[in-house]
Amino acid sequence: MIPLEYYLALSSAAFGIGAYGVLVCRNAIRVLMCLELMMNAANINLVAFSRYLGDAAGQIFVTFSIAIAAAEAAVGLAIILLIYRLYGTVEIGELKNLRW
């Protein structure tokens, strides 16, 4: 059995990489991918503690969380595509204002 600390270390590393990507990246698609990485790190924590405690509630919550993350990714990509159509770029630094 893999110790709980290994799962927590993996989750911490994934969350840290995602947070770094959100803070540093200027491309909107990369920022969205890093947000997904951060949510997956939280899901790893939930599944790890669920398995460690022998309770299935964390795994059920992760199932709903993955469904919500998929919907969020679809809406986020739709918004990014609309911004690309209007402004011709997805670089966050170049979008000074989102007014017409």
PDB file of N, CA and C in Angstrom:
ATOM      1  N   MET A   1       0.843  -1.182   0.000  1.00  0.00           N
ATOM      2  CA  MET A   1       0.000   0.000   0.000  1.00  0.00           C
ATOM      3  C   MET A   1       0.887   1.243   0.000  1.00  0.00           C
ATOM      4  N   ILE A   2       0.542   2.176  -0.839  1.00  0.00           N
ATOM      5  CA  ILE A   2       1.304   3.421  -0.936  1.00  0.00           C
ATOM      6  C   ILE A   2       0.920   4.318   0.236  1.00  0.00           C
ATOM      7  N   PRO A   3       1.905   4.881   0.927  1.00  0.00           N
ATOM      8  CA  PRO A   3       1.591   5.745   2.069  1.00  0.00           C
ATOM      9  C   PRO A   3       0.860   7.021   1.647  1.00  0.00           C
ATOM     10  N   LEU A   4       0.106   7.553   2.579  1.00  0.00           N
ATOM     11  CA  LEU A   4      -0.673   8.770   2.322  1.00  0.00           C
ATOM     12  C   LEU A   4       0.223   9.957   1.977  1.00  0.00           C
ATOM     13  N   GLU A   5       1.403   9.988   2.549  1.00  0.00           N
ATOM     14  CA  GLU A   5       2.306  11.123   2.324  1.00  0.00           C
ATOM     15  C   GLU A   5       2.722  11.247   0.865  1.00  0.00           C
ATOM     16  N   TYR A   6       2.821  10.125   0.154  1.00  0.00           N
ATOM     17  CA  TYR A   6       3.186  10.177  -1.258  1.00  0.00           C
ATOM     18  C   TYR A   6       2.088  10.843  -2.082  1.00  0.00           C
ATOM     19  N   TYR A   7       0.854  10.503  -1.769  1.00  0.00           N
ATOM     20  CA  TYR A   7      -0.266  11.154  -2.460  1.00  0.00           C
ATOM     21  C   TYR A   7      -0.308  12.648  -2.163  1.00  0.00           C
ATOM     22  N   LEU A   8      -0.046  13.003  -0.910  1.00  0.00           N
ATOM     23  CA  LEU A   8      -0.058  14.420  -0.537  1.00  0.00           C
ATOM     24  C   LEU A   8       1.089  15.180  -1.197  1.00  0.00           C
ATOM     25  N   ALA A   9       2.249  14.522  -1.321  1.00  0.00           N
ATOM     26  CA  ALA A   9       3.371  15.170  -2.002  1.00  0.00           C
ATOM     27  C   ALA A   9       3.060  15.379  -3.483  1.00  0.00           C
ATOM     28  N   LEU A  10       2.475  14.366  -4.118  1.00  0.00           N
ATOM     29  CA  LEU A  10       2.090  14.497  -5.529  1.00  0.00           C
ATOM     30  C   LEU A  10       1.059  15.606  -5.709  1.00  0.00           C
ATOM     31  N   SER A  11       0.094  15.646  -4.832  1.00  0.00           N
ATOM     32  CA  SER A  11      -0.940  16.669  -4.918  1.00  0.00           C
ATOM     33  C   SER A  11      -0.375  18.063  -4.688  1.00  0.00           C
ATOM     34  N   SER A  12       0.529  18.181  -3.730  1.00  0.00           N
ATOM     35  CA  SER A  12       1.148  19.486  -3.462  1.00  0.00           C
ATOM     36  C   SER A  12       1.975  19.959  -4.649  1.00  0.00           C
ATOM     37  N   ALA A  13       2.714  19.036  -5.255  1.00  0.00           N
ATOM     38  CA  ALA A  13       3.514  19.401  -6.426  1.00  0.00           C
ATOM     39  C   ALA A  13       2.619  19.827  -7.586  1.00  0.00           C
ATOM     40  N   ALA A  14       1.555  19.084  -7.827  1.00  0.00           N
ATOM     41  CA  ALA A  14       0.642  19.438  -8.921  1.00  0.00           C
ATOM     42  C   ALA A  14      -0.030  20.780  -8.658  1.00  0.00           C
ATOM     43  N   PHE A  15      -0.440  21.014  -7.415  1.00  0.00           N
ATOM     44  CA  PHE A  15      -1.080  22.289  -7.093  1.00  0.00           C
ATOM     45  C   PHE A  15      -0.088  23.446  -7.228  1.00  0.00           C
ATOM     46  N   GLY A  16       1.144  23.228  -6.791  1.00  0.00           N
ATOM     47  CA  GLY A  16       2.159  24.276  -6.917  1.00  0.00           C
ATOM     48  C   GLY A  16       2.476  24.609  -8.362  1.00  0.00           C
ATOM     49  N   ILE A  17       2.588  23.581  -9.198  1.00  0.00           N
ATOM     50  CA  ILE A  17       2.845  23.819 -10.625  1.00  0.00           C
ATOM     51  C   ILE A  17       1.673  24.560 -11.251  1.00  0.00           C
ATOM     52  N   GLY A  18       0.454  24.179 -10.882  1.00  0.00           N
ATOM     53  CA  GLY A  18      -0.722  24.864 -11.404  1.00  0.00           C
ATOM     54  C   GLY A  18      -0.798  26.314 -10.952  1.00  0.00           C
ATOM     55  N   ALA A  19      -0.496  26.559  -9.686  1.00  0.00           N
ATOM     56  CA  ALA A  19      -0.526  27.938  -9.172  1.00  0.00           C
ATOM     57  C   ALA A  19       0.542  28.790  -9.848  1.00  0.00           C
ATOM     58  N   TYR A  20       1.723  28.223 -10.039  1.00  0.00           N
ATOM     59  CA  TYR A  20       2.787  28.941 -10.738  1.00  0.00           C
ATOM     60  C   TYR A  20       2.360  29.275 -12.167  1.00  0.00           C
ATOM     61  N   GLY A  21       1.729  28.314 -12.831  1.00  0.00           N
ATOM     62  CA  GLY A  21       1.276  28.548 -14.198  1.00  0.00           C
ATOM     63  C   GLY A  21       0.207  29.626 -14.287  1.00  0.00           C
ATOM     64  N   VAL A  22      -0.697  29.651 -13.312  1.00  0.00           N
ATOM     65  CA  VAL A  22      -1.740  30.681 -13.318  1.00  0.00           C
ATOM     66  C   VAL A  22      -1.132  32.061 -13.114  1.00  0.00           C
ATOM     67  N   LEU A  23      -0.139  32.149 -12.243  1.00  0.00           N
ATOM     68  CA  LEU A  23       0.458  33.446 -11.951  1.00  0.00           C
ATOM     69  C   LEU A  23       1.404  33.939 -13.040  1.00  0.00           C
ATOM     70  N   VAL A  24       2.050  33.036 -13.766  1.00  0.00           N
ATOM     71  CA  VAL A  24       3.087  33.430 -14.713  1.00  0.00           C
ATOM     72  C   VAL A  24       2.602  33.468 -16.161  1.00  0.00           C
ATOM     73  N   CYS A  25       1.789  32.517 -16.560  1.00  0.00           N
ATOM     74  CA  CYS A  25       1.403  32.405 -17.977  1.00  0.00           C
ATOM     75  C   CYS A  25       0.529  33.566 -18.414  1.00  0.00           C
ATOM     76  N   ARG A  26       0.722  33.967 -19.648  1.00  0.00           N
ATOM     77  CA  ARG A  26      -0.084  35.040 -20.220  1.00  0.00           C
ATOM     78  C   ARG A  26      -1.086  34.534 -21.241  1.00  0.00           C
ATOM     79  N   ASN A  27      -0.968  33.293 -21.627  1.00  0.00           N
ATOM     80  CA  ASN A  27      -1.885  32.707 -22.589  1.00  0.00           C
ATOM     81  C   ASN A  27      -3.107  32.176 -21.840  1.00  0.00           C
ATOM     82  N   ALA A  28      -4.285  32.540 -22.297  1.00  0.00           N
ATOM     83  CA  ALA A  28      -5.515  32.173 -21.588  1.00  0.00           C
ATOM     84  C   ALA A  28      -5.749  30.666 -21.581  1.00  0.00           C
ATOM     85  N   ILE A  29      -5.345  29.981 -22.623  1.00  0.00           N
ATOM     86  CA  ILE A  29      -5.534  28.528 -22.668  1.00  0.00           C
ATOM     87  C   ILE A  29      -4.619  27.848 -21.659  1.00  0.00           C
ATOM     88  N   ARG A  30      -3.391  28.334 -21.527  1.00  0.00           N
ATOM     89  CA  ARG A  30      -2.485  27.767 -20.522  1.00  0.00           C
ATOM     90  C   ARG A  30      -2.996  28.031 -19.107  1.00  0.00           C
ATOM     91  N   VAL A  31      -3.550  29.202 -18.884  1.00  0.00           N
ATOM     92  CA  VAL A  31      -4.099  29.509 -17.565  1.00  0.00           C
ATOM     93  C   VAL A  31      -5.253  28.567 -17.250  1.00  0.00           C
ATOM     94  N   LEU A  32      -6.100  28.299 -18.228  1.00  0.00           N
ATOM     95  CA  LEU A  32      -7.209  27.370 -18.030  1.00  0.00           C
ATOM     96  C   LEU A  32      -6.696  25.959 -17.736  1.00  0.00           C
ATOM     97  N   MET A  33      -5.643  25.543 -18.437  1.00  0.00           N
ATOM     98  CA  MET A  33      -5.058  24.230 -18.168  1.00  0.00           C
ATOM     99  C   MET A  33      -4.458  24.160 -16.771  1.00  0.00           C
ATOM    100  N   CYS A  34      -3.840  25.227 -16.329  1.00  0.00           N
ATOM    101  CA  CYS A  34      -3.254  25.240 -14.985  1.00  0.00           C
ATOM    102  C   CYS A  34      -4.343  25.224 -13.914  1.00  0.00           C
ATOM    103  N   LEU A  35      -5.460  25.876 -14.167  1.00  0.00           N
ATOM    104  CA  LEU A  35      -6.582  25.799 -13.229  1.00  0.00           C
ATOM    105  C   LEU A  35      -7.118  24.380 -13.127  1.00  0.00           C
ATOM    106  N   GLU A  36      -7.184  23.693 -14.258  1.00  0.00           N
ATOM    107  CA  GLU A  36      -7.606  22.289 -14.246  1.00  0.00           C
ATOM    108  C   GLU A  36      -6.621  21.424 -13.465  1.00  0.00           C
ATOM    109  N   LEU A  37      -5.340  21.713 -13.592  1.00  0.00           N
ATOM    110  CA  LEU A  37      -4.331  20.981 -12.836  1.00  0.00           C
ATOM    111  C   LEU A  37      -4.504  21.191 -11.335  1.00  0.00           C
ATOM    112  N   MET A  38      -4.833  22.408 -10.944  1.00  0.00           N
ATOM    113  CA  MET A  38      -5.067  22.685  -9.527  1.00  0.00           C
ATOM    114  C   MET A  38      -6.302  21.948  -9.010  1.00  0.00           C
ATOM    115  N   MET A  39      -7.347  21.885  -9.818  1.00  0.00           N
ATOM    116  CA  MET A  39      -8.539  21.148  -9.391  1.00  0.00           C
ATOM    117  C   MET A  39      -8.264  19.651  -9.306  1.00  0.00           C
ATOM    118  N   ASN A  40      -7.448  19.132 -10.221  1.00  0.00           N
ATOM    119  CA  ASN A  40      -7.090  17.723 -10.148  1.00  0.00           C
ATOM    120  C   ASN A  40      -6.232  17.421  -8.924  1.00  0.00           C
ATOM    121  N   ALA A  41      -5.409  18.366  -8.509  1.00  0.00           N
ATOM    122  CA  ALA A  41      -4.627  18.183  -7.284  1.00  0.00           C
ATOM    123  C   ALA A  41      -5.548  18.079  -6.073  1.00  0.00           C
ATOM    124  N   ALA A  42      -6.581  18.904  -6.053  1.00  0.00           N
ATOM    125  CA  ALA A  42      -7.556  18.803  -4.958  1.00  0.00           C
ATOM    126  C   ALA A  42      -8.292  17.467  -5.006  1.00  0.00           C
ATOM    127  N   ASN A  43      -8.587  16.976  -6.193  1.00  0.00           N
ATOM    128  CA  ASN A  43      -9.250  15.672  -6.334  1.00  0.00           C
ATOM    129  C   ASN A  43      -8.352  14.533  -5.849  1.00  0.00           C
ATOM    130  N   ILE A  44      -7.048  14.644  -6.106  1.00  0.00           N
ATOM    131  CA  ILE A  44      -6.118  13.629  -5.605  1.00  0.00           C
ATOM    132  C   ILE A  44      -6.154  13.598  -4.087  1.00  0.00           C
ATOM    133  N   ASN A  45      -6.185  14.772  -3.472  1.00  0.00           N
ATOM    134  CA  ASN A  45      -6.277  14.833  -2.011  1.00  0.00           C
ATOM    135  C   ASN A  45      -7.551  14.167  -1.506  1.00  0.00           C
ATOM    136  N   LEU A  46      -8.653  14.461  -2.147  1.00  0.00           N
ATOM    137  CA  LEU A  46      -9.928  13.887  -1.702  1.00  0.00           C
ATOM    138  C   LEU A  46      -9.931  12.370  -1.810  1.00  0.00           C
ATOM    139  N   VAL A  47      -9.430  11.839  -2.918  1.00  0.00           N
ATOM    140  CA  VAL A  47      -9.398  10.392  -3.092  1.00  0.00           C
ATOM    141  C   VAL A  47      -8.415   9.749  -2.122  1.00  0.00           C
ATOM    142  N   ALA A  48      -7.283  10.397  -1.891  1.00  0.00           N
ATOM    143  CA  ALA A  48      -6.286   9.834  -0.976  1.00  0.00           C
ATOM    144  C   ALA A  48      -6.832   9.756   0.446  1.00  0.00           C
ATOM    145  N   PHE A  49      -7.458  10.816   0.908  1.00  0.00           N
ATOM    146  CA  PHE A  49      -8.017  10.788   2.258  1.00  0.00           C
ATOM    147  C   PHE A  49      -9.211   9.851   2.346  1.00  0.00           C
ATOM    148  N   SER A  50      -9.969   9.745   1.277  1.00  0.00           N
ATOM    149  CA  SER A  50     -11.087   8.819   1.261  1.00  0.00           C
ATOM    150  C   SER A  50     -10.601   7.378   1.401  1.00  0.00           C
ATOM    151  N   ARG A  51      -9.549   7.056   0.689  1.00  0.00           N
ATOM    152  CA  ARG A  51      -8.996   5.706   0.784  1.00  0.00           C
ATOM    153  C   ARG A  51      -8.343   5.475   2.141  1.00  0.00           C
ATOM    154  N   TYR A  52      -7.658   6.494   2.654  1.00  0.00           N
ATOM    155  CA  TYR A  52      -6.972   6.365   3.940  1.00  0.00           C
ATOM    156  C   TYR A  52      -7.963   6.160   5.077  1.00  0.00           C
ATOM    157  N   LEU A  53      -9.085   6.862   5.032  1.00  0.00           N
ATOM    158  CA  LEU A  53     -10.086   6.756   6.092  1.00  0.00           C
ATOM    159  C   LEU A  53     -11.090   5.633   5.852  1.00  0.00           C
ATOM    160  N   GLY A  54     -11.081   5.049   4.663  1.00  0.00           N
ATOM    161  CA  GLY A  54     -12.000   3.964   4.361  1.00  0.00           C
ATOM    162  C   GLY A  54     -13.430   4.413   4.138  1.00  0.00           C
ATOM    163  N   ASP A  55     -13.592   5.661   3.703  1.00  0.00           N
ATOM    164  CA  ASP A  55     -14.910   6.226   3.473  1.00  0.00           C
ATOM    165  C   ASP A  55     -15.060   6.538   1.987  1.00  0.00           C
ATOM    166  N   ALA A  56     -16.201   6.267   1.421  1.00  0.00           N
ATOM    167  CA  ALA A  56     -16.416   6.489  -0.012  1.00  0.00           C
ATOM    168  C   ALA A  56     -16.944   7.887  -0.325  1.00  0.00           C
ATOM    169  N   ALA A  57     -17.179   8.705   0.684  1.00  0.00           N
ATOM    170  CA  ALA A  57     -17.751  10.029   0.453  1.00  0.00           C
ATOM    171  C   ALA A  57     -16.820  10.906  -0.381  1.00  0.00           C
ATOM    172  N   GLY A  58     -15.515  10.813  -0.162  1.00  0.00           N
ATOM    173  CA  GLY A  58     -14.569  11.613  -0.931  1.00  0.00           C
ATOM    174  C   GLY A  58     -14.562  11.235  -2.396  1.00  0.00           C
ATOM    175  N   GLN A  59     -14.683   9.955  -2.672  1.00  0.00           N
ATOM    176  CA  GLN A  59     -14.690   9.510  -4.062  1.00  0.00           C
ATOM    177  C   GLN A  59     -15.969   9.933  -4.775  1.00  0.00           C
ATOM    178  N   ILE A  60     -17.071   9.936  -4.070  1.00  0.00           N
ATOM    179  CA  ILE A  60     -18.330  10.416  -4.657  1.00  0.00           C
ATOM    180  C   ILE A  60     -18.240  11.910  -4.936  1.00  0.00           C
ATOM    181  N   PHE A  61     -17.646  12.652  -4.010  1.00  0.00           N
ATOM    182  CA  PHE A  61     -17.484  14.087  -4.204  1.00  0.00           C
ATOM    183  C   PHE A  61     -16.563  14.376  -5.387  1.00  0.00           C
ATOM    184  N   VAL A  62     -15.534  13.556  -5.576  1.00  0.00           N
ATOM    185  CA  VAL A  62     -14.626  13.729  -6.713  1.00  0.00           C
ATOM    186  C   VAL A  62     -15.356  13.508  -8.028  1.00  0.00           C
ATOM    187  N   THR A  63     -16.280  12.573  -8.053  1.00  0.00           N
ATOM    188  CA  THR A  63     -17.059  12.332  -9.273  1.00  0.00           C
ATOM    189  C   THR A  63     -17.841  13.580  -9.666  1.00  0.00           C
ATOM    190  N   PHE A  64     -18.485  14.217  -8.698  1.00  0.00           N
ATOM    191  CA  PHE A  64     -19.205  15.461  -8.988  1.00  0.00           C
ATOM    192  C   PHE A  64     -18.237  16.583  -9.358  1.00  0.00           C
ATOM    193  N   SER A  65     -17.098  16.612  -8.706  1.00  0.00           N
ATOM    194  CA  SER A  65     -16.111  17.649  -8.985  1.00  0.00           C
ATOM    195  C   SER A  65     -15.579  17.535 -10.415  1.00  0.00           C
ATOM    196  N   ILE A  66     -15.359  16.312 -10.891  1.00  0.00           N
ATOM    197  CA  ILE A  66     -14.885  16.115 -12.261  1.00  0.00           C
ATOM    198  C   ILE A  66     -15.949  16.557 -13.264  1.00  0.00           C
ATOM    199  N   ALA A  67     -17.213  16.276 -12.965  1.00  0.00           N
ATOM    200  CA  ALA A  67     -18.298  16.714 -13.852  1.00  0.00           C
ATOM    201  C   ALA A  67     -18.374  18.237 -13.918  1.00  0.00           C
ATOM    202  N   ILE A  68     -18.231  18.878 -12.778  1.00  0.00           N
ATOM    203  CA  ILE A  68     -18.257  20.344 -12.745  1.00  0.00           C
ATOM    204  C   ILE A  68     -17.040  20.914 -13.460  1.00  0.00           C
ATOM    205  N   ALA A  69     -15.875  20.286 -13.304  1.00  0.00           N
ATOM    206  CA  ALA A  69     -14.668  20.751 -13.983  1.00  0.00           C
ATOM    207  C   ALA A  69     -14.799  20.631 -15.497  1.00  0.00           C
ATOM    208  N   ALA A  70     -15.465  19.579 -15.961  1.00  0.00           N
ATOM    209  CA  ALA A  70     -15.668  19.425 -17.406  1.00  0.00           C
ATOM    210  C   ALA A  70     -16.572  20.531 -17.940  1.00  0.00           C
ATOM    211  N   ALA A  71     -17.615  20.842 -17.213  1.00  0.00           N
ATOM    212  CA  ALA A  71     -18.502  21.931 -17.628  1.00  0.00           C
ATOM    213  C   ALA A  71     -17.773  23.268 -17.592  1.00  0.00           C
ATOM    214  N   GLU A  72     -16.950  23.458 -16.575  1.00  0.00           N
ATOM    215  CA  GLU A  72     -16.190  24.711 -16.463  1.00  0.00           C
ATOM    216  C   GLU A  72     -15.201  24.838 -17.609  1.00  0.00           C
ATOM    217  N   ALA A  73     -14.576  23.745 -17.989  1.00  0.00           N
ATOM    218  CA  ALA A  73     -13.631  23.790 -19.104  1.00  0.00           C
ATOM    219  C   ALA A  73     -14.340  24.104 -20.414  1.00  0.00           C
ATOM    220  N   ALA A  74     -15.519  23.548 -20.604  1.00  0.00           N
ATOM    221  CA  ALA A  74     -16.276  23.830 -21.829  1.00  0.00           C
ATOM    222  C   ALA A  74     -16.681  25.295 -21.908  1.00  0.00           C
ATOM    223  N   VAL A  75     -17.157  25.838 -20.811  1.00  0.00           N
ATOM    224  CA  VAL A  75     -17.541  27.255 -20.791  1.00  0.00           C
ATOM    225  C   VAL A  75     -16.314  28.148 -20.952  1.00  0.00           C
ATOM    226  N   GLY A  76     -15.221  27.791 -20.278  1.00  0.00           N
ATOM    227  CA  GLY A  76     -13.998  28.572 -20.405  1.00  0.00           C
ATOM    228  C   GLY A  76     -13.454  28.582 -21.819  1.00  0.00           C
ATOM    229  N   LEU A  77     -13.443  27.433 -22.473  1.00  0.00           N
ATOM    230  CA  LEU A  77     -12.976  27.387 -23.856  1.00  0.00           C
ATOM    231  C   LEU A  77     -13.896  28.157 -24.791  1.00  0.00           C
ATOM    232  N   ALA A  78     -15.200  28.134 -24.519  1.00  0.00           N
ATOM    233  CA  ALA A  78     -16.133  28.911 -25.344  1.00  0.00           C
ATOM    234  C   ALA A  78     -15.855  30.408 -25.194  1.00  0.00           C
ATOM    235  N   ILE A  79     -15.595  30.840 -23.990  1.00  0.00           N
ATOM    236  CA  ILE A  79     -15.277  32.256 -23.764  1.00  0.00           C
ATOM    237  C   ILE A  79     -13.963  32.620 -24.446  1.00  0.00           C
ATOM    238  N   ILE A  80     -12.980  31.751 -24.347  1.00  0.00           N
ATOM    239  CA  ILE A  80     -11.687  32.023 -24.983  1.00  0.00           C
ATOM    240  C   ILE A  80     -11.838  32.084 -26.502  1.00  0.00           C
ATOM    241  N   LEU A  81     -12.642  31.191 -27.083  1.00  0.00           N
ATOM    242  CA  LEU A  81     -12.882  31.246 -28.530  1.00  0.00           C
ATOM    243  C   LEU A  81     -13.580  32.538 -28.940  1.00  0.00           C
ATOM    244  N   LEU A  82     -14.522  32.994 -28.131  1.00  0.00           N
ATOM    245  CA  LEU A  82     -15.199  34.257 -28.431  1.00  0.00           C
ATOM    246  C   LEU A  82     -14.228  35.432 -28.350  1.00  0.00           C
ATOM    247  N   ILE A  83     -13.367  35.432 -27.350  1.00  0.00           N
ATOM    248  CA  ILE A  83     -12.365  36.491 -27.241  1.00  0.00           C
ATOM    249  C   ILE A  83     -11.424  36.453 -28.443  1.00  0.00           C
ATOM    250  N   TYR A  84     -11.040  35.257 -28.883  1.00  0.00           N
ATOM    251  CA  TYR A  84     -10.157  35.148 -30.045  1.00  0.00           C
ATOM    252  C   TYR A  84     -10.839  35.678 -31.304  1.00  0.00           C
ATOM    253  N   ARG A  85     -12.119  35.378 -31.453  1.00  0.00           N
ATOM    254  CA  ARG A  85     -12.848  35.885 -32.631  1.00  0.00           C
ATOM    255  C   ARG A  85     -12.946  37.405 -32.625  1.00  0.00           C
ATOM    256  N   LEU A  86     -13.160  37.980 -31.440  1.00  0.00           N
ATOM    257  CA  LEU A  86     -13.330  39.426 -31.369  1.00  0.00           C
ATOM    258  C   LEU A  86     -12.011  40.187 -31.447  1.00  0.00           C
ATOM    259  N   TYR A  87     -10.978  39.693 -30.757  1.00  0.00           N
ATOM    260  CA  TYR A  87      -9.736  40.447 -30.631  1.00  0.00           C
ATOM    261  C   TYR A  87      -8.564  39.846 -31.396  1.00  0.00           C
ATOM    262  N   GLY A  88      -8.690  38.592 -31.847  1.00  0.00           N
ATOM    263  CA  GLY A  88      -7.617  37.981 -32.621  1.00  0.00           C
ATOM    264  C   GLY A  88      -6.442  37.478 -31.805  1.00  0.00           C
ATOM    265  N   THR A  89      -6.583  37.425 -30.495  1.00  0.00           N
ATOM    266  CA  THR A  89      -5.510  36.942 -29.633  1.00  0.00           C
ATOM    267  C   THR A  89      -6.100  36.342 -28.361  1.00  0.00           C
ATOM    268  N   VAL A  90      -5.327  35.452 -27.748  1.00  0.00           N
ATOM    269  CA  VAL A  90      -5.729  34.898 -26.449  1.00  0.00           C
ATOM    270  C   VAL A  90      -4.699  35.241 -25.378  1.00  0.00           C
ATOM    271  N   GLU A  91      -3.789  36.144 -25.704  1.00  0.00           N
ATOM    272  CA  GLU A  91      -2.801  36.596 -24.727  1.00  0.00           C
ATOM    273  C   GLU A  91      -3.472  37.550 -23.747  1.00  0.00           C
ATOM    274  N   ILE A  92      -3.378  37.228 -22.468  1.00  0.00           N
ATOM    275  CA  ILE A  92      -4.067  38.018 -21.448  1.00  0.00           C
ATOM    276  C   ILE A  92      -3.485  39.424 -21.343  1.00  0.00           C
ATOM    277  N   GLY A  93      -2.174  39.557 -21.521  1.00  0.00           N
ATOM    278  CA  GLY A  93      -1.532  40.866 -21.419  1.00  0.00           C
ATOM    279  C   GLY A  93      -1.962  41.836 -22.507  1.00  0.00           C
ATOM    280  N   GLU A  94      -2.344  41.324 -23.659  1.00  0.00           N
ATOM    281  CA  GLU A  94      -2.748  42.199 -24.762  1.00  0.00           C
ATOM    282  C   GLU A  94      -4.199  42.650 -24.665  1.00  0.00           C
ATOM    283  N   LEU A  95      -4.961  42.014 -23.819  1.00  0.00           N
ATOM    284  CA  LEU A  95      -6.363  42.400 -23.656  1.00  0.00           C
ATOM    285  C   LEU A  95      -6.471  43.411 -22.522  1.00  0.00           C
ATOM    286  N   LYS A  96      -6.332  44.649 -22.849  1.00  0.00           N
ATOM    287  CA  LYS A  96      -6.369  45.702 -21.831  1.00  0.00           C
ATOM    288  C   LYS A  96      -7.765  45.881 -21.266  1.00  0.00           C
ATOM    289  N   ASN A  97      -8.737  45.897 -22.144  1.00  0.00           N
ATOM    290  CA  ASN A  97     -10.130  45.992 -21.698  1.00  0.00           C
ATOM    291  C   ASN A  97     -10.972  45.089 -22.581  1.00  0.00           C
ATOM    292  N   LEU A  98     -12.067  44.660 -22.054  1.00  0.00           N
ATOM    293  CA  LEU A  98     -12.929  43.764 -22.802  1.00  0.00           C
ATOM    294  C   LEU A  98     -14.201  44.478 -23.271  1.00  0.00           C
ATOM    295  N   ARG A  99     -14.065  45.752 -23.519  1.00  0.00           N
ATOM    296  CA  ARG A  99     -15.204  46.517 -24.035  1.00  0.00           C
ATOM    297  C   ARG A  99     -15.160  46.531 -25.551  1.00  0.00           C
ATOM    298  N   TRP A 100     -16.304  46.799 -26.135  1.00  0.00           N
ATOM    299  CA  TRP A 100     -16.391  46.876 -27.589  1.00  0.00           C
ATOM    300  C   TRP A 100     -15.719  48.130 -28.014  1.00  0.00           C
TER     301      TRP A 100
END
